[in-house]
Structure formats: structure tokens, C-alpha cells
Amino acid sequence: MGAEITTMTDKLIKEKLTDLLKIYDKLGFEALPETVLTVPKSNPSEALLKAIRDDIGNCTRCKLHTGRKNIVFGEGDPGTRLMFVGEGPGADEDESGRPFVGRAGKVLESLINKMGFQREAVYIANIVKCRPPGNREPEEDEIAACRGFVERQIEVVAPDAIMTLGNVSTKTLLSTDKTIGQMRGEFHDYNGIKVMPTYHPSYFLRNPSKKIFTWNDAVKVLNYLGIEVISSK
């Protein structure tokens, strides 16, 4: 039995490393960073995510770096079936280095809990890793400089479903000009992964009565994942 587990683990590691090598090859790298090769093999996805974070480094790829306090990489279970992708950090996230910890983060965490998950059991990331000044939407050049990192995070986590939060993440991942109002409520495809666009949690700070729309979207995700819906709304 122990030999079988070891064989399965080695196979998973090989598959993950092969997948990431393909990503790095597309970006012009000739080999995986040393980080991937030295992190213990027991959790290959964590090692691969750490390699992506190391590649970001003390990023100066776009102008957002001039006003940030912390890079907000993302966090959660790298083996999860469900991933959430927002647009960018706010003031609280910039201060802490963690995604969705401010007022909007509390709304998101409430949704995650209502779906039957703990926050640490899903994976949360943003399109850009540095806070746009004044919490404005990230601009096209900033998205272009950063989107490759969230795409690589998705590649490593390989969730069964993604919920994109708001216009920026939806338009970026799905390469569309349609608004969130036009896209939400229906599944879309991102490299073979089901994507459910929904409103950004900050929207409900201004429009709390509209939370039912995102809950309806979440129920469709739970049904797709084969998870029993416990909460009614």
C-alpha cells in the first residue's frame, strides 16, 4: 500500500511539474526555478505556487508598484475544487498582503461559508497583485503586466469551477467586452474550467438587496460540483 501511495504521489508531482514547465516555456524560461526543485515533494502544488510568487519578486512591471505596501499574491487550498478571482487589492489588502480581508472580503467570506466551505478550503486571488490608487479599476497596461500570474495560479490549482467577481476579472479571463450583468448566471469556459461570473462583493455594500443574484449564481456552482445546497438564500 505504501509503495502504491508513493507511486501515485510521484506521478502527481511529475504531472504538475510538466504542466508548469509548459507554462514557463511559453513565457521564455528554459527550466523551472530552483524553488520548485527544492521544496518538499509532499505538496507539489504549494511548491509550484511558491515558485510563481518567487517569480513575481519585488515586482516593478507596471506603475502600480510605486504606491503599494504589499504584493497580494493569493491564498487558500491549492487542491481546492473552487476558486474565486477578483480584480485587485484594496487598502486593507495592501496593508495585510492578503486578498479580500476588508469590508468586501467579509461579504465574500459570508458567501463562502454559506456555500458550505471555510475560507481556507477555497483559493482566492486577484487579476492584479498591487492596489490601484484610490481603489480604481486596474488599467489595461496593468492587467497586461500581471494577468500571466493569475493564469499560472489557475493552471496550478486546476479547480473544477471559478467564480469571477465583477467586471474586471470576468472580462480578463473570458476575453469579453460584455458586462457582468450580461455574463452572470450562466457558465462560461476558461481552458476547460467552468467559470461562473458574478457581482463583486463590494457591489453589495451599496446594494445589499441584490445579494440574491450572487447566491443564485453560487447555487449553480454547487449543483455543478455535486454539493448539496443547505442554505436557502
C-alpha atoms as a PDB file:
ATOM      1  CA  MET A   1       0.000   0.000   0.000  1.00  0.00           C
ATOM      2  CA  GLY A   2       2.800   2.417   0.927  1.00  0.00           C
ATOM      3  CA  ALA A   3       4.550   1.755  -2.386  1.00  0.00           C
ATOM      4  CA  GLU A   4       1.311   2.479  -4.251  1.00  0.00           C
ATOM      5  CA  ILE A   5       0.888   5.815  -2.489  1.00  0.00           C
ATOM      6  CA  THR A   6       4.474   6.763  -3.245  1.00  0.00           C
ATOM      7  CA  THR A   7       3.979   5.895  -6.911  1.00  0.00           C
ATOM      8  CA  MET A   8       0.784   7.959  -7.090  1.00  0.00           C
ATOM      9  CA  THR A   9       2.455  10.928  -5.394  1.00  0.00           C
ATOM     10  CA  ASP A  10       5.437  10.782  -7.742  1.00  0.00           C
ATOM     11  CA  LYS A  11       3.073  10.632 -10.715  1.00  0.00           C
ATOM     12  CA  LEU A  12       1.189  13.720  -9.492  1.00  0.00           C
ATOM     13  CA  ILE A  13       4.430  15.594  -8.925  1.00  0.00           C
ATOM     14  CA  LYS A  14       5.622  14.712 -12.420  1.00  0.00           C
ATOM     15  CA  GLU A  15       2.343  15.840 -13.968  1.00  0.00           C
ATOM     16  CA  LYS A  16       2.359  19.141 -12.059  1.00  0.00           C
ATOM     17  CA  LEU A  17       5.989  19.862 -12.896  1.00  0.00           C
ATOM     18  CA  THR A  18       5.378  19.000 -16.551  1.00  0.00           C
ATOM     19  CA  ASP A  19       2.391  21.338 -16.676  1.00  0.00           C
ATOM     20  CA  LEU A  20       4.325  24.199 -15.111  1.00  0.00           C
ATOM     21  CA  LEU A  21       7.284  23.611 -17.419  1.00  0.00           C
ATOM     22  CA  LYS A  22       4.919  24.148 -20.342  1.00  0.00           C
ATOM     23  CA  ILE A  23       3.763  27.434 -18.831  1.00  0.00           C
ATOM     24  CA  TYR A  24       7.334  28.598 -18.203  1.00  0.00           C
ATOM     25  CA  ASP A  25       8.332  27.526 -21.724  1.00  0.00           C
ATOM     26  CA  LYS A  26       5.603  29.740 -23.186  1.00  0.00           C
ATOM     27  CA  LEU A  27       6.976  32.632 -21.151  1.00  0.00           C
ATOM     28  CA  GLY A  28      10.524  32.095 -22.373  1.00  0.00           C
ATOM     29  CA  PHE A  29      12.003  30.221 -19.401  1.00  0.00           C
ATOM     30  CA  GLU A  30      14.258  27.260 -20.147  1.00  0.00           C
ATOM     31  CA  ALA A  31      13.823  25.493 -16.777  1.00  0.00           C
ATOM     32  CA  LEU A  32      11.797  25.553 -13.571  1.00  0.00           C
ATOM     33  CA  PRO A  33      13.084  27.862 -10.834  1.00  0.00           C
ATOM     34  CA  GLU A  34      15.238  26.212  -8.192  1.00  0.00           C
ATOM     35  CA  THR A  35      12.439  26.792  -5.650  1.00  0.00           C
ATOM     36  CA  VAL A  36      10.272  24.132  -7.268  1.00  0.00           C
ATOM     37  CA  LEU A  37      13.085  21.621  -7.193  1.00  0.00           C
ATOM     38  CA  THR A  38      13.930  22.141  -3.531  1.00  0.00           C
ATOM     39  CA  VAL A  39      10.508  22.386  -1.824  1.00  0.00           C
ATOM     40  CA  PRO A  40       9.482  19.029  -0.247  1.00  0.00           C
ATOM     41  CA  LYS A  41       7.673  16.777  -2.709  1.00  0.00           C
ATOM     42  CA  SER A  42       4.760  16.085  -0.347  1.00  0.00           C
ATOM     43  CA  ASN A  43       2.853  19.155  -1.606  1.00  0.00           C
ATOM     44  CA  PRO A  44       3.810  19.858  -5.226  1.00  0.00           C
ATOM     45  CA  SER A  45       1.057  22.419  -5.833  1.00  0.00           C
ATOM     46  CA  GLU A  46       2.264  24.563  -2.939  1.00  0.00           C
ATOM     47  CA  ALA A  47       5.777  24.349  -4.338  1.00  0.00           C
ATOM     48  CA  LEU A  48       4.599  25.458  -7.762  1.00  0.00           C
ATOM     49  CA  LEU A  49       2.631  28.379  -6.314  1.00  0.00           C
ATOM     50  CA  LYS A  50       5.670  29.414  -4.298  1.00  0.00           C
ATOM     51  CA  ALA A  51       7.713  29.374  -7.495  1.00  0.00           C
ATOM     52  CA  ILE A  52       5.205  31.730  -9.130  1.00  0.00           C
ATOM     53  CA  ARG A  53       5.351  34.052  -6.113  1.00  0.00           C
ATOM     54  CA  ASP A  54       9.134  33.989  -6.255  1.00  0.00           C
ATOM     55  CA  ASP A  55       8.968  34.879  -9.940  1.00  0.00           C
ATOM     56  CA  ILE A  56       6.864  37.954  -9.118  1.00  0.00           C
ATOM     57  CA  GLY A  57       9.609  39.023  -6.730  1.00  0.00           C
ATOM     58  CA  ASN A  58       9.596  42.702  -5.730  1.00  0.00           C
ATOM     59  CA  CYS A  59       7.641  43.454  -8.877  1.00  0.00           C
ATOM     60  CA  THR A  60       8.139  46.685 -10.847  1.00  0.00           C
ATOM     61  CA  ARG A  61       6.471  45.509 -14.056  1.00  0.00           C
ATOM     62  CA  CYS A  62       3.841  48.269 -14.021  1.00  0.00           C
ATOM     63  CA  LYS A  63       3.234  51.617 -12.341  1.00  0.00           C
ATOM     64  CA  LEU A  64       1.131  50.136  -9.521  1.00  0.00           C
ATOM     65  CA  HIS A  65       4.302  49.173  -7.668  1.00  0.00           C
ATOM     66  CA  THR A  66       5.029  52.818  -6.868  1.00  0.00           C
ATOM     67  CA  GLY A  67       2.171  53.113  -4.382  1.00  0.00           C
ATOM     68  CA  ARG A  68       1.871  49.668  -2.892  1.00  0.00           C
ATOM     69  CA  LYS A  69       2.808  48.456   0.570  1.00  0.00           C
ATOM     70  CA  ASN A  70       2.498  44.733  -0.111  1.00  0.00           C
ATOM     71  CA  ILE A  71       2.067  42.422  -3.060  1.00  0.00           C
ATOM     72  CA  VAL A  72      -1.154  40.464  -2.578  1.00  0.00           C
ATOM     73  CA  PHE A  73      -0.456  37.107  -4.183  1.00  0.00           C
ATOM     74  CA  GLY A  74      -3.427  34.960  -3.186  1.00  0.00           C
ATOM     75  CA  GLU A  75      -4.155  32.259  -0.656  1.00  0.00           C
ATOM     76  CA  GLY A  76      -6.099  29.126   0.114  1.00  0.00           C
ATOM     77  CA  ASP A  77      -6.082  25.419  -0.585  1.00  0.00           C
ATOM     78  CA  PRO A  78      -4.057  24.669  -3.739  1.00  0.00           C
ATOM     79  CA  GLY A  79      -6.006  21.436  -4.148  1.00  0.00           C
ATOM     80  CA  THR A  80      -9.452  23.018  -3.960  1.00  0.00           C
ATOM     81  CA  ARG A  81     -12.305  22.457  -6.406  1.00  0.00           C
ATOM     82  CA  LEU A  82     -13.422  26.107  -6.194  1.00  0.00           C
ATOM     83  CA  MET A  83     -11.502  29.301  -6.888  1.00  0.00           C
ATOM     84  CA  PHE A  84     -12.532  32.966  -6.644  1.00  0.00           C
ATOM     85  CA  VAL A  85     -10.858  35.648  -8.765  1.00  0.00           C
ATOM     86  CA  GLY A  86     -11.348  39.356  -8.043  1.00  0.00           C
ATOM     87  CA  GLU A  87      -9.856  42.443  -9.647  1.00  0.00           C
ATOM     88  CA  GLY A  88      -7.246  43.862  -7.273  1.00  0.00           C
ATOM     89  CA  PRO A  89      -6.351  44.604  -3.653  1.00  0.00           C
ATOM     90  CA  GLY A  90      -7.914  47.424  -1.650  1.00  0.00           C
ATOM     91  CA  ALA A  91      -6.441  49.363   1.251  1.00  0.00           C
ATOM     92  CA  ASP A  92      -6.872  46.585   3.830  1.00  0.00           C
ATOM     93  CA  GLU A  93      -5.411  44.003   1.468  1.00  0.00           C
ATOM     94  CA  ASP A  94      -2.471  46.250   0.628  1.00  0.00           C
ATOM     95  CA  GLU A  95      -1.805  46.667   4.344  1.00  0.00           C
ATOM     96  CA  SER A  96      -2.019  42.959   5.202  1.00  0.00           C
ATOM     97  CA  GLY A  97      -0.765  41.315   1.994  1.00  0.00           C
ATOM     98  CA  ARG A  98      -3.862  39.072   1.930  1.00  0.00           C
ATOM     99  CA  PRO A  99      -6.771  39.098  -0.528  1.00  0.00           C
ATOM    100  CA  PHE A 100     -10.318  40.065   0.473  1.00  0.00           C
ATOM    101  CA  VAL A 101      -9.847  40.922   4.150  1.00  0.00           C
ATOM    102  CA  GLY A 102     -11.665  44.276   4.184  1.00  0.00           C
ATOM    103  CA  ARG A 103     -15.408  45.013   4.143  1.00  0.00           C
ATOM    104  CA  ALA A 104     -15.892  43.374   0.749  1.00  0.00           C
ATOM    105  CA  GLY A 105     -13.858  40.429   1.999  1.00  0.00           C
ATOM    106  CA  LYS A 106     -16.312  39.899   4.838  1.00  0.00           C
ATOM    107  CA  VAL A 107     -19.115  39.720   2.284  1.00  0.00           C
ATOM    108  CA  LEU A 108     -17.156  37.184   0.237  1.00  0.00           C
ATOM    109  CA  GLU A 109     -16.327  35.096   3.307  1.00  0.00           C
ATOM    110  CA  SER A 110     -20.015  35.056   4.228  1.00  0.00           C
ATOM    111  CA  LEU A 111     -20.826  33.699   0.760  1.00  0.00           C
ATOM    112  CA  ILE A 112     -18.086  31.077   1.024  1.00  0.00           C
ATOM    113  CA  ASN A 113     -19.416  29.932   4.399  1.00  0.00           C
ATOM    114  CA  LYS A 114     -22.995  29.853   3.111  1.00  0.00           C
ATOM    115  CA  MET A 115     -21.799  27.626   0.275  1.00  0.00           C
ATOM    116  CA  GLY A 116     -20.551  25.180   2.904  1.00  0.00           C
ATOM    117  CA  PHE A 117     -16.829  25.975   2.740  1.00  0.00           C
ATOM    118  CA  GLN A 118     -14.325  27.530   5.092  1.00  0.00           C
ATOM    119  CA  ARG A 119     -12.286  30.347   3.596  1.00  0.00           C
ATOM    120  CA  GLU A 120      -9.074  28.312   3.806  1.00  0.00           C
ATOM    121  CA  ALA A 121     -10.691  25.471   1.821  1.00  0.00           C
ATOM    122  CA  VAL A 122     -11.057  27.544  -1.374  1.00  0.00           C
ATOM    123  CA  TYR A 123      -8.455  29.572  -3.279  1.00  0.00           C
ATOM    124  CA  ILE A 124      -8.717  33.362  -3.630  1.00  0.00           C
ATOM    125  CA  ALA A 125      -6.689  35.547  -5.981  1.00  0.00           C
ATOM    126  CA  ASN A 126      -6.910  38.767  -7.990  1.00  0.00           C
ATOM    127  CA  ILE A 127      -6.151  39.802 -11.554  1.00  0.00           C
ATOM    128  CA  VAL A 128      -3.572  42.360 -10.364  1.00  0.00           C
ATOM    129  CA  LYS A 129      -1.424  41.889  -7.274  1.00  0.00           C
ATOM    130  CA  CYS A 130      -0.901  45.536  -6.277  1.00  0.00           C
ATOM    131  CA  ARG A 131      -3.503  48.059  -5.148  1.00  0.00           C
ATOM    132  CA  PRO A 132      -4.692  50.549  -7.768  1.00  0.00           C
ATOM    133  CA  PRO A 133      -4.668  54.066  -6.257  1.00  0.00           C
ATOM    134  CA  GLY A 134      -7.984  55.155  -4.824  1.00  0.00           C
ATOM    135  CA  ASN A 135      -9.325  51.643  -5.390  1.00  0.00           C
ATOM    136  CA  ARG A 136      -9.933  52.443  -9.050  1.00  0.00           C
ATOM    137  CA  GLU A 137     -10.194  49.633 -11.567  1.00  0.00           C
ATOM    138  CA  PRO A 138      -6.837  48.404 -12.892  1.00  0.00           C
ATOM    139  CA  GLU A 139      -5.928  49.806 -16.297  1.00  0.00           C
ATOM    140  CA  GLU A 140      -5.220  47.761 -19.404  1.00  0.00           C
ATOM    141  CA  ASP A 141      -1.429  48.015 -19.176  1.00  0.00           C
ATOM    142  CA  GLU A 142      -1.518  46.992 -15.508  1.00  0.00           C
ATOM    143  CA  ILE A 143      -3.709  43.991 -16.285  1.00  0.00           C
ATOM    144  CA  ALA A 144      -1.437  43.009 -19.172  1.00  0.00           C
ATOM    145  CA  ALA A 145       1.630  43.132 -16.921  1.00  0.00           C
ATOM    146  CA  CYS A 146       0.051  40.968 -14.218  1.00  0.00           C
ATOM    147  CA  ARG A 147      -2.544  38.634 -15.728  1.00  0.00           C
ATOM    148  CA  GLY A 148       0.007  35.947 -16.520  1.00  0.00           C
ATOM    149  CA  PHE A 149       0.491  35.305 -12.812  1.00  0.00           C
ATOM    150  CA  VAL A 150      -3.161  34.610 -12.038  1.00  0.00           C
ATOM    151  CA  GLU A 151      -3.349  32.457 -15.164  1.00  0.00           C
ATOM    152  CA  ARG A 152      -0.457  30.404 -13.815  1.00  0.00           C
ATOM    153  CA  GLN A 153      -2.118  30.200 -10.399  1.00  0.00           C
ATOM    154  CA  ILE A 154      -5.227  28.814 -12.068  1.00  0.00           C
ATOM    155  CA  GLU A 155      -3.084  26.343 -14.002  1.00  0.00           C
ATOM    156  CA  VAL A 156      -1.557  25.007 -10.782  1.00  0.00           C
ATOM    157  CA  VAL A 157      -4.711  24.977  -8.642  1.00  0.00           C
ATOM    158  CA  ALA A 158      -6.727  23.487 -11.530  1.00  0.00           C
ATOM    159  CA  PRO A 159     -10.123  23.996  -9.843  1.00  0.00           C
ATOM    160  CA  ASP A 160     -13.300  22.438 -11.176  1.00  0.00           C
ATOM    161  CA  ALA A 161     -15.007  25.840 -11.086  1.00  0.00           C
ATOM    162  CA  ILE A 162     -14.070  29.512 -10.841  1.00  0.00           C
ATOM    163  CA  MET A 163     -16.299  32.344  -9.699  1.00  0.00           C
ATOM    164  CA  THR A 164     -15.096  35.615 -11.217  1.00  0.00           C
ATOM    165  CA  LEU A 165     -16.011  38.608  -9.057  1.00  0.00           C
ATOM    166  CA  GLY A 166     -17.004  41.660 -11.058  1.00  0.00           C
ATOM    167  CA  ASN A 167     -16.297  43.107 -14.476  1.00  0.00           C
ATOM    168  CA  VAL A 168     -12.503  43.172 -14.459  1.00  0.00           C
ATOM    169  CA  SER A 169     -11.856  39.520 -13.644  1.00  0.00           C
ATOM    170  CA  THR A 170     -14.700  38.355 -15.885  1.00  0.00           C
ATOM    171  CA  LYS A 171     -13.606  40.396 -18.891  1.00  0.00           C
ATOM    172  CA  THR A 172      -9.953  39.453 -18.399  1.00  0.00           C
ATOM    173  CA  LEU A 173     -10.301  35.694 -18.018  1.00  0.00           C
ATOM    174  CA  LEU A 174     -13.107  35.284 -20.556  1.00  0.00           C
ATOM    175  CA  SER A 175     -11.750  37.807 -23.096  1.00  0.00           C
ATOM    176  CA  THR A 176     -15.075  39.579 -23.425  1.00  0.00           C
ATOM    177  CA  ASP A 177     -16.363  43.133 -23.547  1.00  0.00           C
ATOM    178  CA  LYS A 178     -19.715  42.158 -22.071  1.00  0.00           C
ATOM    179  CA  THR A 179     -20.671  43.459 -18.649  1.00  0.00           C
ATOM    180  CA  ILE A 180     -21.092  41.351 -15.540  1.00  0.00           C
ATOM    181  CA  GLY A 181     -24.836  41.886 -15.815  1.00  0.00           C
ATOM    182  CA  GLN A 182     -24.775  40.241 -19.233  1.00  0.00           C
ATOM    183  CA  MET A 183     -22.433  37.407 -18.238  1.00  0.00           C
ATOM    184  CA  ARG A 184     -23.578  36.338 -14.765  1.00  0.00           C
ATOM    185  CA  GLY A 185     -25.930  33.474 -14.133  1.00  0.00           C
ATOM    186  CA  GLU A 186     -24.518  31.243 -16.873  1.00  0.00           C
ATOM    187  CA  PHE A 187     -21.419  29.068 -17.063  1.00  0.00           C
ATOM    188  CA  HIS A 188     -18.612  30.008 -19.421  1.00  0.00           C
ATOM    189  CA  ASP A 189     -15.373  28.228 -20.301  1.00  0.00           C
ATOM    190  CA  TYR A 190     -11.796  29.072 -19.391  1.00  0.00           C
ATOM    191  CA  ASN A 191      -9.353  26.467 -20.687  1.00  0.00           C
ATOM    192  CA  GLY A 192     -11.792  23.679 -19.885  1.00  0.00           C
ATOM    193  CA  ILE A 193     -12.724  25.063 -16.448  1.00  0.00           C
ATOM    194  CA  LYS A 194     -16.300  26.124 -15.725  1.00  0.00           C
ATOM    195  CA  VAL A 195     -16.489  29.842 -14.911  1.00  0.00           C
ATOM    196  CA  MET A 196     -19.453  31.487 -13.208  1.00  0.00           C
ATOM    197  CA  PRO A 197     -19.248  35.289 -13.331  1.00  0.00           C
ATOM    198  CA  THR A 198     -20.968  37.119 -10.501  1.00  0.00           C
ATOM    199  CA  TYR A 199     -21.029  40.546  -8.897  1.00  0.00           C
ATOM    200  CA  HIS A 200     -18.049  41.819  -6.921  1.00  0.00           C
ATOM    201  CA  PRO A 201     -18.693  41.709  -3.147  1.00  0.00           C
ATOM    202  CA  SER A 202     -18.182  45.488  -2.917  1.00  0.00           C
ATOM    203  CA  TYR A 203     -21.336  45.919  -5.033  1.00  0.00           C
ATOM    204  CA  PHE A 204     -23.406  44.584  -2.145  1.00  0.00           C
ATOM    205  CA  LEU A 205     -22.026  47.153   0.273  1.00  0.00           C
ATOM    206  CA  ARG A 206     -24.056  49.642  -1.767  1.00  0.00           C
ATOM    207  CA  ASN A 207     -26.849  47.285  -2.845  1.00  0.00           C
ATOM    208  CA  PRO A 208     -27.386  44.660  -0.113  1.00  0.00           C
ATOM    209  CA  SER A 209     -30.758  43.607  -1.518  1.00  0.00           C
ATOM    210  CA  LYS A 210     -29.018  42.317  -4.660  1.00  0.00           C
ATOM    211  CA  LYS A 211     -27.121  39.552  -2.826  1.00  0.00           C
ATOM    212  CA  ILE A 212     -29.737  37.058  -4.008  1.00  0.00           C
ATOM    213  CA  PHE A 213     -28.299  37.276  -7.530  1.00  0.00           C
ATOM    214  CA  THR A 214     -24.876  36.070  -6.409  1.00  0.00           C
ATOM    215  CA  TRP A 215     -26.431  33.413  -4.208  1.00  0.00           C
ATOM    216  CA  ASN A 216     -28.323  32.110  -7.251  1.00  0.00           C
ATOM    217  CA  ASP A 217     -25.014  32.007  -9.125  1.00  0.00           C
ATOM    218  CA  ALA A 218     -23.397  30.175  -6.203  1.00  0.00           C
ATOM    219  CA  VAL A 219     -26.184  27.580  -6.141  1.00  0.00           C
ATOM    220  CA  LYS A 220     -25.490  26.778  -9.799  1.00  0.00           C
ATOM    221  CA  VAL A 221     -21.821  26.283  -8.941  1.00  0.00           C
ATOM    222  CA  LEU A 222     -22.693  23.991  -6.033  1.00  0.00           C
ATOM    223  CA  ASN A 223     -25.018  21.975  -8.257  1.00  0.00           C
ATOM    224  CA  TYR A 224     -22.250  21.624 -10.831  1.00  0.00           C
ATOM    225  CA  LEU A 225     -19.826  20.463  -8.138  1.00  0.00           C
ATOM    226  CA  GLY A 226     -22.393  17.951  -6.868  1.00  0.00           C
ATOM    227  CA  ILE A 227     -22.573  19.620  -3.446  1.00  0.00           C
ATOM    228  CA  GLU A 228     -25.841  19.715  -1.543  1.00  0.00           C
ATOM    229  CA  VAL A 229     -27.289  23.194  -1.099  1.00  0.00           C
ATOM    230  CA  ILE A 230     -28.020  23.717   2.590  1.00  0.00           C
ATOM    231  CA  SER A 231     -28.800  27.442   2.869  1.00  0.00           C
ATOM    232  CA  SER A 232     -31.939  28.640   1.083  1.00  0.00           C
ATOM    233  CA  LYS A 233     -30.757  32.175   0.240  1.00  0.00           C
END
